[in-house]
PDB file of N, CA and C in Angstrom:
ATOM      1  N   MET A   1      94.515 108.754  87.479  1.00  0.00           N
ATOM      2  CA  MET A   1      95.442 107.815  87.957  1.00  0.00           C
ATOM      3  C   MET A   1      94.471 106.516  87.699  1.00  0.00           C
ATOM      4  N   PRO A   2      95.233 105.077  87.234  1.00  0.00           N
ATOM      5  CA  PRO A   2      94.283 104.049  87.725  1.00  0.00           C
ATOM      6  C   PRO A   2      94.550 103.401  89.183  1.00  0.00           C
ATOM      7  N   LEU A   3      93.956 102.761  89.743  1.00  0.00           N
ATOM      8  CA  LEU A   3      94.062 101.872  91.035  1.00  0.00           C
ATOM      9  C   LEU A   3      94.875 100.699  90.435  1.00  0.00           C
ATOM     10  N   LYS A   4      95.880 100.363  91.413  1.00  0.00           N
ATOM     11  CA  LYS A   4      96.925  99.875  90.895  1.00  0.00           C
ATOM     12  C   LYS A   4      96.661  98.391  92.186  1.00  0.00           C
ATOM     13  N   ILE A   5      96.425  97.420  91.160  1.00  0.00           N
ATOM     14  CA  ILE A   5      96.398  96.102  91.936  1.00  0.00           C
ATOM     15  C   ILE A   5      97.026  95.168  92.098  1.00  0.00           C
ATOM     16  N   ALA A   6      98.146  94.141  92.589  1.00  0.00           N
ATOM     17  CA  ALA A   6      98.697  93.119  92.517  1.00  0.00           C
ATOM     18  C   ALA A   6      97.534  91.717  93.086  1.00  0.00           C
ATOM     19  N   ILE A   7      97.848  90.741  92.506  1.00  0.00           N
ATOM     20  CA  ILE A   7      97.377  88.872  92.701  1.00  0.00           C
ATOM     21  C   ILE A   7      98.598  88.453  93.409  1.00  0.00           C
ATOM     22  N   LEU A   8      98.467  87.764  94.426  1.00  0.00           N
ATOM     23  CA  LEU A   8      98.907  87.007  95.458  1.00  0.00           C
ATOM     24  C   LEU A   8      98.776  85.575  95.329  1.00  0.00           C
ATOM     25  N   VAL A   9      99.000  84.619  94.722  1.00  0.00           N
ATOM     26  CA  VAL A   9      98.979  83.065  94.379  1.00  0.00           C
ATOM     27  C   VAL A   9      99.496  82.310  95.438  1.00  0.00           C
ATOM     28  N   ARG A  10      99.192  81.124  95.342  1.00  0.00           N
ATOM     29  CA  ARG A  10      99.965  80.125  95.928  1.00  0.00           C
ATOM     30  C   ARG A  10     101.099  79.457  95.456  1.00  0.00           C
ATOM     31  N   GLU A  11     101.668  79.843  96.338  1.00  0.00           N
ATOM     32  CA  GLU A  11     103.732  79.085  95.359  1.00  0.00           C
ATOM     33  C   GLU A  11     103.230  77.562  94.640  1.00  0.00           C
ATOM     34  N   GLU A  12     103.004  76.725  95.863  1.00  0.00           N
ATOM     35  CA  GLU A  12     102.637  75.290  95.250  1.00  0.00           C
ATOM     36  C   GLU A  12     101.689  74.981  94.342  1.00  0.00           C
ATOM     37  N   THR A  13     100.651  75.949  93.785  1.00  0.00           N
ATOM     38  CA  THR A  13      99.999  75.717  92.683  1.00  0.00           C
ATOM     39  C   THR A  13     100.441  76.494  91.433  1.00  0.00           C
ATOM     40  N   THR A  14     101.475  77.498  91.525  1.00  0.00           N
ATOM     41  CA  THR A  14     101.872  77.962  90.231  1.00  0.00           C
ATOM     42  C   THR A  14     102.437  76.848  89.687  1.00  0.00           C
ATOM     43  N   LYS A  15     102.610  75.940  89.927  1.00  0.00           N
ATOM     44  CA  LYS A  15     103.492  74.277  89.735  1.00  0.00           C
ATOM     45  C   LYS A  15     102.757  73.808  88.485  1.00  0.00           C
ATOM     46  N   ARG A  16     101.407  74.102  88.671  1.00  0.00           N
ATOM     47  CA  ARG A  16     100.418  73.511  87.757  1.00  0.00           C
ATOM     48  C   ARG A  16      98.939  74.359  87.194  1.00  0.00           C
ATOM     49  N   CYS A  17      99.364  75.856  87.419  1.00  0.00           N
ATOM     50  CA  CYS A  17      97.926  76.139  87.051  1.00  0.00           C
ATOM     51  C   CYS A  17      98.830  77.308  86.160  1.00  0.00           C
ATOM     52  N   THR A  18      97.873  77.828  85.473  1.00  0.00           N
ATOM     53  CA  THR A  18      98.120  79.101  84.327  1.00  0.00           C
ATOM     54  C   THR A  18      97.983  80.237  84.995  1.00  0.00           C
ATOM     55  N   GLY A  19      96.904  80.188  86.036  1.00  0.00           N
ATOM     56  CA  GLY A  19      96.079  81.851  86.260  1.00  0.00           C
ATOM     57  C   GLY A  19      95.316  81.982  85.674  1.00  0.00           C
ATOM     58  N   LYS A  20      95.052  81.059  84.974  1.00  0.00           N
ATOM     59  CA  LYS A  20      93.644  81.432  83.985  1.00  0.00           C
ATOM     60  C   LYS A  20      92.513  82.434  84.839  1.00  0.00           C
ATOM     61  N   GLY A  21      92.213  81.594  85.904  1.00  0.00           N
ATOM     62  CA  GLY A  21      90.519  81.836  86.167  1.00  0.00           C
ATOM     63  C   GLY A  21      90.710  83.338  87.046  1.00  0.00           C
ATOM     64  N   CYS A  22      92.166  83.877  87.751  1.00  0.00           N
ATOM     65  CA  CYS A  22      92.283  84.785  88.551  1.00  0.00           C
ATOM     66  C   CYS A  22      92.432  85.826  87.174  1.00  0.00           C
ATOM     67  N   LEU A  23      93.198  85.431  86.390  1.00  0.00           N
ATOM     68  CA  LEU A  23      93.269  86.949  85.164  1.00  0.00           C
ATOM     69  C   LEU A  23      92.300  87.099  84.125  1.00  0.00           C
ATOM     70  N   ARG A  24      91.228  85.978  84.130  1.00  0.00           N
ATOM     71  CA  ARG A  24      90.114  86.135  83.981  1.00  0.00           C
ATOM     72  C   ARG A  24      89.269  87.083  84.391  1.00  0.00           C
ATOM     73  N   SER A  25      89.069  86.905  85.401  1.00  0.00           N
ATOM     74  CA  SER A  25      88.081  87.248  86.227  1.00  0.00           C
ATOM     75  C   SER A  25      88.491  89.074  86.642  1.00  0.00           C
ATOM     76  N   PHE A  26      89.800  88.986  86.644  1.00  0.00           N
ATOM     77  CA  PHE A  26      90.443  90.334  86.656  1.00  0.00           C
ATOM     78  C   PHE A  26      90.322  91.391  85.220  1.00  0.00           C
ATOM     79  N   PHE A  27      90.853  91.210  84.042  1.00  0.00           N
ATOM     80  CA  PHE A  27      90.146  91.274  82.781  1.00  0.00           C
ATOM     81  C   PHE A  27      88.905  91.650  82.667  1.00  0.00           C
ATOM     82  N   GLU A  28      87.816  90.350  82.949  1.00  0.00           N
ATOM     83  CA  GLU A  28      86.138  90.389  82.703  1.00  0.00           C
ATOM     84  C   GLU A  28      85.694  91.753  84.068  1.00  0.00           C
ATOM     85  N   LYS A  29      86.588  91.756  85.058  1.00  0.00           N
ATOM     86  CA  LYS A  29      86.076  92.466  86.061  1.00  0.00           C
ATOM     87  C   LYS A  29      84.414  91.640  86.710  1.00  0.00           C
ATOM     88  N   THR A  30      85.029  90.286  86.691  1.00  0.00           N
ATOM     89  CA  THR A  30      84.105  89.757  87.689  1.00  0.00           C
ATOM     90  C   THR A  30      84.824  89.116  88.831  1.00  0.00           C
ATOM     91  N   GLU A  31      83.269  88.306  89.373  1.00  0.00           N
ATOM     92  CA  GLU A  31      83.685  88.096  90.614  1.00  0.00           C
ATOM     93  C   GLU A  31      84.483  89.092  91.434  1.00  0.00           C
ATOM     94  N   SER A  32      85.459  89.188  92.127  1.00  0.00           N
ATOM     95  CA  SER A  32      85.820  89.769  93.237  1.00  0.00           C
ATOM     96  C   SER A  32      86.157  91.039  92.752  1.00  0.00           C
ATOM     97  N   PHE A  33      86.749  90.663  91.414  1.00  0.00           N
ATOM     98  CA  PHE A  33      87.155  92.405  90.918  1.00  0.00           C
ATOM     99  C   PHE A  33      85.970  92.939  90.257  1.00  0.00           C
ATOM    100  N   ALA A  34      84.678  92.812  90.692  1.00  0.00           N
ATOM    101  CA  ALA A  34      83.314  92.639  89.789  1.00  0.00           C
ATOM    102  C   ALA A  34      83.524  94.745  90.537  1.00  0.00           C
ATOM    103  N   ARG A  35      83.779  94.646  91.614  1.00  0.00           N
ATOM    104  CA  ARG A  35      84.049  95.761  92.729  1.00  0.00           C
ATOM    105  C   ARG A  35      84.320  96.997  91.811  1.00  0.00           C
ATOM    106  N   TYR A  36      85.113  96.819  90.834  1.00  0.00           N
ATOM    107  CA  TYR A  36      85.878  97.784  89.764  1.00  0.00           C
ATOM    108  C   TYR A  36      85.210  98.392  88.714  1.00  0.00           C
ATOM    109  N   ARG A  37      84.176  97.445  88.555  1.00  0.00           N
ATOM    110  CA  ARG A  37      83.559  97.698  87.361  1.00  0.00           C
ATOM    111  C   ARG A  37      83.782  99.780  87.173  1.00  0.00           C
ATOM    112  N   GLY A  38      83.753 100.160  85.763  1.00  0.00           N
ATOM    113  CA  GLY A  38      84.050 101.684  85.932  1.00  0.00           C
ATOM    114  C   GLY A  38      84.745 102.289  86.562  1.00  0.00           C
ATOM    115  N   GLN A  39      85.781 101.458  86.572  1.00  0.00           N
ATOM    116  CA  GLN A  39      87.027 101.967  86.906  1.00  0.00           C
ATOM    117  C   GLN A  39      88.290 102.078  86.423  1.00  0.00           C
ATOM    118  N   HIS A  40      89.010 102.721  86.345  1.00  0.00           N
ATOM    119  CA  HIS A  40      90.470 102.026  85.563  1.00  0.00           C
ATOM    120  C   HIS A  40      91.557 101.678  86.506  1.00  0.00           C
ATOM    121  N   VAL A  41      91.719 100.118  86.044  1.00  0.00           N
ATOM    122  CA  VAL A  41      92.336  99.136  87.186  1.00  0.00           C
ATOM    123  C   VAL A  41      94.079  98.875  86.342  1.00  0.00           C
ATOM    124  N   GLU A  42      95.102  98.864  87.024  1.00  0.00           N
ATOM    125  CA  GLU A  42      95.921  98.380  86.647  1.00  0.00           C
ATOM    126  C   GLU A  42      96.557  97.316  87.391  1.00  0.00           C
ATOM    127  N   LEU A  43      96.621  96.063  86.673  1.00  0.00           N
ATOM    128  CA  LEU A  43      97.288  94.863  87.270  1.00  0.00           C
ATOM    129  C   LEU A  43      98.775  94.949  87.331  1.00  0.00           C
ATOM    130  N   VAL A  44      99.182  95.484  88.138  1.00  0.00           N
ATOM    131  CA  VAL A  44     101.070  95.673  88.595  1.00  0.00           C
ATOM    132  C   VAL A  44     101.334  94.366  88.895  1.00  0.00           C
ATOM    133  N   ALA A  45     100.775  93.549  89.580  1.00  0.00           N
ATOM    134  CA  ALA A  45     102.043  91.966  89.945  1.00  0.00           C
ATOM    135  C   ALA A  45     101.066  91.008  89.838  1.00  0.00           C
ATOM    136  N   PHE A  46     101.498  89.656  89.688  1.00  0.00           N
ATOM    137  CA  PHE A  46     100.774  88.704  89.456  1.00  0.00           C
ATOM    138  C   PHE A  46     102.323  87.477  90.192  1.00  0.00           C
ATOM    139  N   PHE A  47     102.232  87.780  91.387  1.00  0.00           N
ATOM    140  CA  PHE A  47     103.333  86.753  92.054  1.00  0.00           C
ATOM    141  C   PHE A  47     102.409  85.745  93.137  1.00  0.00           C
ATOM    142  N   HIS A  48     104.015  84.688  93.559  1.00  0.00           N
ATOM    143  CA  HIS A  48     103.324  83.889  94.528  1.00  0.00           C
ATOM    144  C   HIS A  48     104.216  83.789  95.997  1.00  0.00           C
ATOM    145  N   THR A  49     103.527  82.923  96.784  1.00  0.00           N
ATOM    146  CA  THR A  49     104.137  83.429  98.385  1.00  0.00           C
ATOM    147  C   THR A  49     105.436  82.772  98.469  1.00  0.00           C
ATOM    148  N   GLY A  50     106.404  82.378  97.597  1.00  0.00           N
ATOM    149  CA  GLY A  50     107.451  81.828  97.742  1.00  0.00           C
ATOM    150  C   GLY A  50     108.593  82.821  97.775  1.00  0.00           C
ATOM    151  N   GLY A  51     109.903  82.432  98.365  1.00  0.00           N
ATOM    152  CA  GLY A  51     110.883  83.572  98.614  1.00  0.00           C
ATOM    153  C   GLY A  51     110.820  84.450  99.675  1.00  0.00           C
ATOM    154  N   ASP A  52     111.120  86.078  99.095  1.00  0.00           N
ATOM    155  CA  ASP A  52     110.923  86.717 100.692  1.00  0.00           C
ATOM    156  C   ASP A  52     109.930  87.924 100.554  1.00  0.00           C
ATOM    157  N   LEU A  53     108.864  87.282 100.658  1.00  0.00           N
ATOM    158  CA  LEU A  53     107.917  88.177 100.568  1.00  0.00           C
ATOM    159  C   LEU A  53     107.938  89.349 101.118  1.00  0.00           C
ATOM    160  N   ASP A  54     108.450  89.647 102.140  1.00  0.00           N
ATOM    161  CA  ASP A  54     108.591  91.040 103.162  1.00  0.00           C
ATOM    162  C   ASP A  54     109.192  92.085 101.370  1.00  0.00           C
ATOM    163  N   HIS A  55     110.114  91.205 100.816  1.00  0.00           N
ATOM    164  CA  HIS A  55     110.955  92.159  99.848  1.00  0.00           C
ATOM    165  C   HIS A  55     109.838  92.798  98.625  1.00  0.00           C
ATOM    166  N   LYS A  56     109.064  91.471  98.725  1.00  0.00           N
ATOM    167  CA  LYS A  56     108.068  91.858  97.150  1.00  0.00           C
ATOM    168  C   LYS A  56     107.002  92.957  97.502  1.00  0.00           C
ATOM    169  N   LEU A  57     106.651  92.859  98.426  1.00  0.00           N
ATOM    170  CA  LEU A  57     105.309  93.301  98.977  1.00  0.00           C
ATOM    171  C   LEU A  57     106.223  95.368  99.312  1.00  0.00           C
ATOM    172  N   ALA A  58     107.854  95.599  99.521  1.00  0.00           N
ATOM    173  CA  ALA A  58     108.100  96.415  99.594  1.00  0.00           C
ATOM    174  C   ALA A  58     108.624  97.109  98.316  1.00  0.00           C
ATOM    175  N   LYS A  59     108.243  96.445  97.414  1.00  0.00           N
ATOM    176  CA  LYS A  59     108.368  96.577  95.934  1.00  0.00           C
ATOM    177  C   LYS A  59     107.395  97.354  95.405  1.00  0.00           C
ATOM    178  N   LEU A  60     106.360  96.566  95.554  1.00  0.00           N
ATOM    179  CA  LEU A  60     104.884  96.838  95.071  1.00  0.00           C
ATOM    180  C   LEU A  60     104.425  98.060  95.776  1.00  0.00           C
ATOM    181  N   LYS A  61     104.893  98.354  97.074  1.00  0.00           N
ATOM    182  CA  LYS A  61     104.288  99.111  97.723  1.00  0.00           C
ATOM    183  C   LYS A  61     105.064 100.806  97.286  1.00  0.00           C
ATOM    184  N   LYS A  62     106.552 101.101  96.863  1.00  0.00           N
ATOM    185  CA  LYS A  62     107.127 101.322  96.024  1.00  0.00           C
ATOM    186  C   LYS A  62     106.443 101.617  94.769  1.00  0.00           C
ATOM    187  N   SER A  63     105.892 100.620  93.737  1.00  0.00           N
ATOM    188  CA  SER A  63     105.118 100.938  92.757  1.00  0.00           C
ATOM    189  C   SER A  63     104.187 101.840  92.602  1.00  0.00           C
ATOM    190  N   GLY A  64     103.221 101.653  93.894  1.00  0.00           N
ATOM    191  CA  GLY A  64     102.273 102.554  94.244  1.00  0.00           C
ATOM    192  C   GLY A  64     100.920 101.554  93.989  1.00  0.00           C
ATOM    193  N   VAL A  65     101.190 100.202  94.429  1.00  0.00           N
ATOM    194  CA  VAL A  65      99.955  99.198  94.532  1.00  0.00           C
ATOM    195  C   VAL A  65      99.178  99.392  96.007  1.00  0.00           C
ATOM    196  N   GLU A  66      97.770  99.456  95.202  1.00  0.00           N
ATOM    197  CA  GLU A  66      97.138  99.567  96.823  1.00  0.00           C
ATOM    198  C   GLU A  66      96.131  98.199  97.418  1.00  0.00           C
ATOM    199  N   VAL A  67      95.744  97.671  96.358  1.00  0.00           N
ATOM    200  CA  VAL A  67      94.944  96.724  96.609  1.00  0.00           C
ATOM    201  C   VAL A  67      95.633  95.065  96.714  1.00  0.00           C
ATOM    202  N   ILE A  68      95.399  94.408  97.085  1.00  0.00           N
ATOM    203  CA  ILE A  68      96.133  92.892  96.593  1.00  0.00           C
ATOM    204  C   ILE A  68      95.234  92.056  96.996  1.00  0.00           C
ATOM    205  N   HIS A  69      94.956  91.160  95.842  1.00  0.00           N
ATOM    206  CA  HIS A  69      93.844  90.138  96.346  1.00  0.00           C
ATOM    207  C   HIS A  69      94.762  88.839  96.204  1.00  0.00           C
ATOM    208  N   LEU A  70      94.246  87.818  97.333  1.00  0.00           N
ATOM    209  CA  LEU A  70      94.585  87.059  97.372  1.00  0.00           C
ATOM    210  C   LEU A  70      94.048  86.100  96.768  1.00  0.00           C
ATOM    211  N   SER A  71      95.048  84.879  96.105  1.00  0.00           N
ATOM    212  CA  SER A  71      94.117  83.920  94.925  1.00  0.00           C
ATOM    213  C   SER A  71      93.360  83.412  96.040  1.00  0.00           C
ATOM    214  N   THR A  72      92.096  82.687  95.236  1.00  0.00           N
ATOM    215  CA  THR A  72      91.357  81.917  95.539  1.00  0.00           C
ATOM    216  C   THR A  72      91.920  80.389  96.221  1.00  0.00           C
ATOM    217  N   CYS A  73      93.217  80.191  95.359  1.00  0.00           N
ATOM    218  CA  CYS A  73      93.533  78.858  95.188  1.00  0.00           C
ATOM    219  C   CYS A  73      94.865  79.071  96.943  1.00  0.00           C
ATOM    220  N   LEU A  74      94.674  80.175  97.471  1.00  0.00           N
ATOM    221  CA  LEU A  74      95.529  80.653  98.701  1.00  0.00           C
ATOM    222  C   LEU A  74      94.552  80.489 100.011  1.00  0.00           C
ATOM    223  N   ARG A  75      93.326  80.916  99.485  1.00  0.00           N
ATOM    224  CA  ARG A  75      92.389  80.705 100.468  1.00  0.00           C
ATOM    225  C   ARG A  75      91.799  79.376 101.165  1.00  0.00           C
ATOM    226  N   GLY A  76      92.037  78.762  99.534  1.00  0.00           N
ATOM    227  CA  GLY A  76      90.682  77.319 100.066  1.00  0.00           C
ATOM    228  C   GLY A  76      92.203  76.281 100.052  1.00  0.00           C
ATOM    229  N   LYS A  77      93.432  76.620 100.148  1.00  0.00           N
ATOM    230  CA  LYS A  77      94.308  75.605 100.002  1.00  0.00           C
ATOM    231  C   LYS A  77      95.595  75.756 100.962  1.00  0.00           C
ATOM    232  N   ASP A  78      96.127  76.549 101.405  1.00  0.00           N
ATOM    233  CA  ASP A  78      97.263  77.242 102.632  1.00  0.00           C
ATOM    234  C   ASP A  78      96.709  77.666 104.109  1.00  0.00           C
ATOM    235  N   PRO A  79      97.276  76.718 104.507  1.00  0.00           N
ATOM    236  CA  PRO A  79      96.686  76.805 106.000  1.00  0.00           C
ATOM    237  C   PRO A  79      97.438  78.359 106.417  1.00  0.00           C
ATOM    238  N   ASN A  80      98.563  78.838 105.716  1.00  0.00           N
ATOM    239  CA  ASN A  80      99.018  79.790 105.987  1.00  0.00           C
ATOM    240  C   ASN A  80      98.135  81.421 105.805  1.00  0.00           C
ATOM    241  N   TYR A  81      96.981  81.487 104.973  1.00  0.00           N
ATOM    242  CA  TYR A  81      95.880  82.036 104.783  1.00  0.00           C
ATOM    243  C   TYR A  81      96.153  83.560 105.597  1.00  0.00           C
ATOM    244  N   HIS A  82      95.562  83.084 107.180  1.00  0.00           N
ATOM    245  CA  HIS A  82      95.251  84.012 107.736  1.00  0.00           C
ATOM    246  C   HIS A  82      96.788  85.269 108.566  1.00  0.00           C
ATOM    247  N   ARG A  83      97.663  84.361 107.671  1.00  0.00           N
ATOM    248  CA  ARG A  83      99.086  84.791 107.908  1.00  0.00           C
ATOM    249  C   ARG A  83      99.141  85.777 106.822  1.00  0.00           C
ATOM    250  N   PHE A  84      98.917  85.497 106.070  1.00  0.00           N
ATOM    251  CA  PHE A  84      99.446  86.168 104.897  1.00  0.00           C
ATOM    252  C   PHE A  84      98.029  87.537 104.710  1.00  0.00           C
ATOM    253  N   ILE A  85      96.984  87.498 104.902  1.00  0.00           N
ATOM    254  CA  ILE A  85      96.415  88.048 105.163  1.00  0.00           C
ATOM    255  C   ILE A  85      97.147  89.248 106.235  1.00  0.00           C
ATOM    256  N   GLU A  86      97.305  88.617 107.628  1.00  0.00           N
ATOM    257  CA  GLU A  86      98.115  89.704 108.355  1.00  0.00           C
ATOM    258  C   GLU A  86      99.539  90.336 107.826  1.00  0.00           C
ATOM    259  N   GLN A  87     100.162  89.599 107.230  1.00  0.00           N
ATOM    260  CA  GLN A  87     101.269  89.968 106.839  1.00  0.00           C
ATOM    261  C   GLN A  87     100.712  91.327 105.588  1.00  0.00           C
ATOM    262  N   VAL A  88     100.124  91.153 104.865  1.00  0.00           N
ATOM    263  CA  VAL A  88      99.938  92.303 103.319  1.00  0.00           C
ATOM    264  C   VAL A  88      99.153  93.013 103.586  1.00  0.00           C
ATOM    265  N   SER A  89      98.226  92.984 104.772  1.00  0.00           N
ATOM    266  CA  SER A  89      97.303  94.197 105.114  1.00  0.00           C
ATOM    267  C   SER A  89      98.039  95.087 106.175  1.00  0.00           C
ATOM    268  N   ARG A  90      99.136  94.883 106.398  1.00  0.00           N
ATOM    269  CA  ARG A  90      99.987  95.869 107.234  1.00  0.00           C
ATOM    270  C   ARG A  90     100.014  97.366 106.283  1.00  0.00           C
ATOM    271  N   ASP A  91     100.188  97.087 104.892  1.00  0.00           N
ATOM    272  CA  ASP A  91     100.958  98.243 103.552  1.00  0.00           C
ATOM    273  C   ASP A  91      99.529  98.013 103.047  1.00  0.00           C
ATOM    274  N   PHE A  92      98.515  97.362 102.578  1.00  0.00           N
ATOM    275  CA  PHE A  92      97.735  97.390 101.274  1.00  0.00           C
ATOM    276  C   PHE A  92      96.219  96.667 101.760  1.00  0.00           C
ATOM    277  N   THR A  93      95.452  97.293 101.103  1.00  0.00           N
ATOM    278  CA  THR A  93      93.875  96.720 101.300  1.00  0.00           C
ATOM    279  C   THR A  93      93.805  95.474 100.632  1.00  0.00           C
ATOM    280  N   VAL A  94      93.066  94.582 101.604  1.00  0.00           N
ATOM    281  CA  VAL A  94      93.343  92.908 100.810  1.00  0.00           C
ATOM    282  C   VAL A  94      91.855  92.499 100.681  1.00  0.00           C
ATOM    283  N   VAL A  95      92.119  91.851  99.583  1.00  0.00           N
ATOM    284  CA  VAL A  95      90.528  91.214  99.241  1.00  0.00           C
ATOM    285  C   VAL A  95      90.943  90.154  98.831  1.00  0.00           C
ATOM    286  N   GLY A  96      89.850  89.092  99.826  1.00  0.00           N
ATOM    287  CA  GLY A  96      90.293  87.380 100.092  1.00  0.00           C
ATOM    288  C   GLY A  96      90.614  86.213  99.503  1.00  0.00           C
ATOM    289  N   TYR A  97      89.959  86.705  98.012  1.00  0.00           N
ATOM    290  CA  TYR A  97      89.537  85.842  96.904  1.00  0.00           C
ATOM    291  C   TYR A  97      89.607  86.195  95.578  1.00  0.00           C
ATOM    292  N   THR A  98      90.036  85.335  94.734  1.00  0.00           N
ATOM    293  CA  THR A  98      90.031  85.917  93.110  1.00  0.00           C
ATOM    294  C   THR A  98      88.737  85.698  92.136  1.00  0.00           C
ATOM    295  N   HIS A  99      88.060  84.908  92.070  1.00  0.00           N
ATOM    296  CA  HIS A  99      87.218  83.761  91.483  1.00  0.00           C
ATOM    297  C   HIS A  99      86.397  83.085  92.557  1.00  0.00           C
ATOM    298  N   GLY A 100      85.446  82.771  91.668  1.00  0.00           N
ATOM    299  CA  GLY A 100      85.003  81.248  92.706  1.00  0.00           C
ATOM    300  C   GLY A 100      83.687  82.331  93.656  1.00  0.00           C
ATOM    301  N   SER A 101      82.954  82.114  94.598  1.00  0.00           N
ATOM    302  CA  SER A 101      82.406  82.470  95.691  1.00  0.00           C
ATOM    303  C   SER A 101      83.333  83.178  96.815  1.00  0.00           C
ATOM    304  N   GLU A 102      82.184  84.479  97.160  1.00  0.00           N
ATOM    305  CA  GLU A 102      82.948  84.988  97.945  1.00  0.00           C
ATOM    306  C   GLU A 102      82.810  84.462  99.392  1.00  0.00           C
ATOM    307  N   GLU A 103      81.599  83.563  99.379  1.00  0.00           N
ATOM    308  CA  GLU A 103      81.837  82.248 100.559  1.00  0.00           C
ATOM    309  C   GLU A 103      82.230  81.468 100.191  1.00  0.00           C
ATOM    310  N   ALA A 104      83.320  80.850 101.262  1.00  0.00           N
ATOM    311  CA  ALA A 104      84.519  79.594 100.641  1.00  0.00           C
ATOM    312  C   ALA A 104      84.664  79.171 102.080  1.00  0.00           C
ATOM    313  N   LYS A 105      85.311  77.856 101.933  1.00  0.00           N
ATOM    314  CA  LYS A 105      85.659  77.173 103.094  1.00  0.00           C
ATOM    315  C   LYS A 105      87.060  77.860 103.256  1.00  0.00           C
ATOM    316  N   VAL A 106      87.682  78.397 104.264  1.00  0.00           N
ATOM    317  CA  VAL A 106      88.574  79.033 104.509  1.00  0.00           C
ATOM    318  C   VAL A 106      89.292  77.823 105.495  1.00  0.00           C
ATOM    319  N   PRO A 107      91.004  77.926 105.057  1.00  0.00           N
ATOM    320  CA  PRO A 107      91.542  76.711 106.132  1.00  0.00           C
ATOM    321  C   PRO A 107      91.550  77.633 107.499  1.00  0.00           C
ATOM    322  N   SER A 108      91.410  76.542 108.538  1.00  0.00           N
ATOM    323  CA  SER A 108      91.542  76.997 110.208  1.00  0.00           C
ATOM    324  C   SER A 108      93.186  77.566 110.199  1.00  0.00           C
ATOM    325  N   PRO A 109      92.774  78.566 110.967  1.00  0.00           N
ATOM    326  CA  PRO A 109      94.278  79.467 111.450  1.00  0.00           C
ATOM    327  C   PRO A 109      94.744  78.296 112.511  1.00  0.00           C
ATOM    328  N   PHE A 110      94.461  77.591 112.929  1.00  0.00           N
ATOM    329  CA  PHE A 110      94.596  76.582 114.081  1.00  0.00           C
ATOM    330  C   PHE A 110      94.403  75.370 113.788  1.00  0.00           C
ATOM    331  N   PRO A 111      95.401  74.729 113.097  1.00  0.00           N
ATOM    332  CA  PRO A 111      95.379  73.390 112.482  1.00  0.00           C
ATOM    333  C   PRO A 111      95.122  72.168 113.410  1.00  0.00           C
ATOM    334  N   VAL A 112      94.180  71.412 113.182  1.00  0.00           N
ATOM    335  CA  VAL A 112      94.307  70.198 114.302  1.00  0.00           C
ATOM    336  C   VAL A 112      95.123  69.572 114.119  1.00  0.00           C
ATOM    337  N   SER A 113      96.081  68.846 114.868  1.00  0.00           N
ATOM    338  CA  SER A 113      97.208  68.035 114.873  1.00  0.00           C
ATOM    339  C   SER A 113      96.795  66.463 115.517  1.00  0.00           C
ATOM    340  N   SER A 114      97.047  65.433 114.784  1.00  0.00           N
ATOM    341  CA  SER A 114      96.696  64.209 115.602  1.00  0.00           C
ATOM    342  C   SER A 114      97.768  63.619 116.307  1.00  0.00           C
ATOM    343  N   LYS A 115      97.647  63.218 117.224  1.00  0.00           N
ATOM    344  CA  LYS A 115      99.126  61.796 117.304  1.00  0.00           C
ATOM    345  C   LYS A 115      98.240  60.833 117.303  1.00  0.00           C
ATOM    346  N   GLY A 116      99.585  59.832 116.867  1.00  0.00           N
ATOM    347  CA  GLY A 116      98.645  58.372 116.879  1.00  0.00           C
ATOM    348  C   GLY A 116      99.551  57.710 117.655  1.00  0.00           C
TER     349      GLY A 116
END
């Protein structure tokens, strides 16, 4: 039986990104997906953060998804990255990126505000 995986991407990025980097890494089993070499894995969903995320996660759980990769764009550009980790990790194993370096700049969970 295959390990079922999903990829969560940043909604704003989907307006201009084809998903090529995430999907290439998945299908070639490179970068964050290298951990699955030699295993049968199935990509069940490629979905974005917009809308009712709890509903989406419940549907994925029903579908047997075990692991959700947060996209590299989500990690690098979304100030809510840490909140997504917390939300998704309630029911799934979370991998915090899809492609590129495992070590990368992550948005602070406590954004600095400036008062002028």
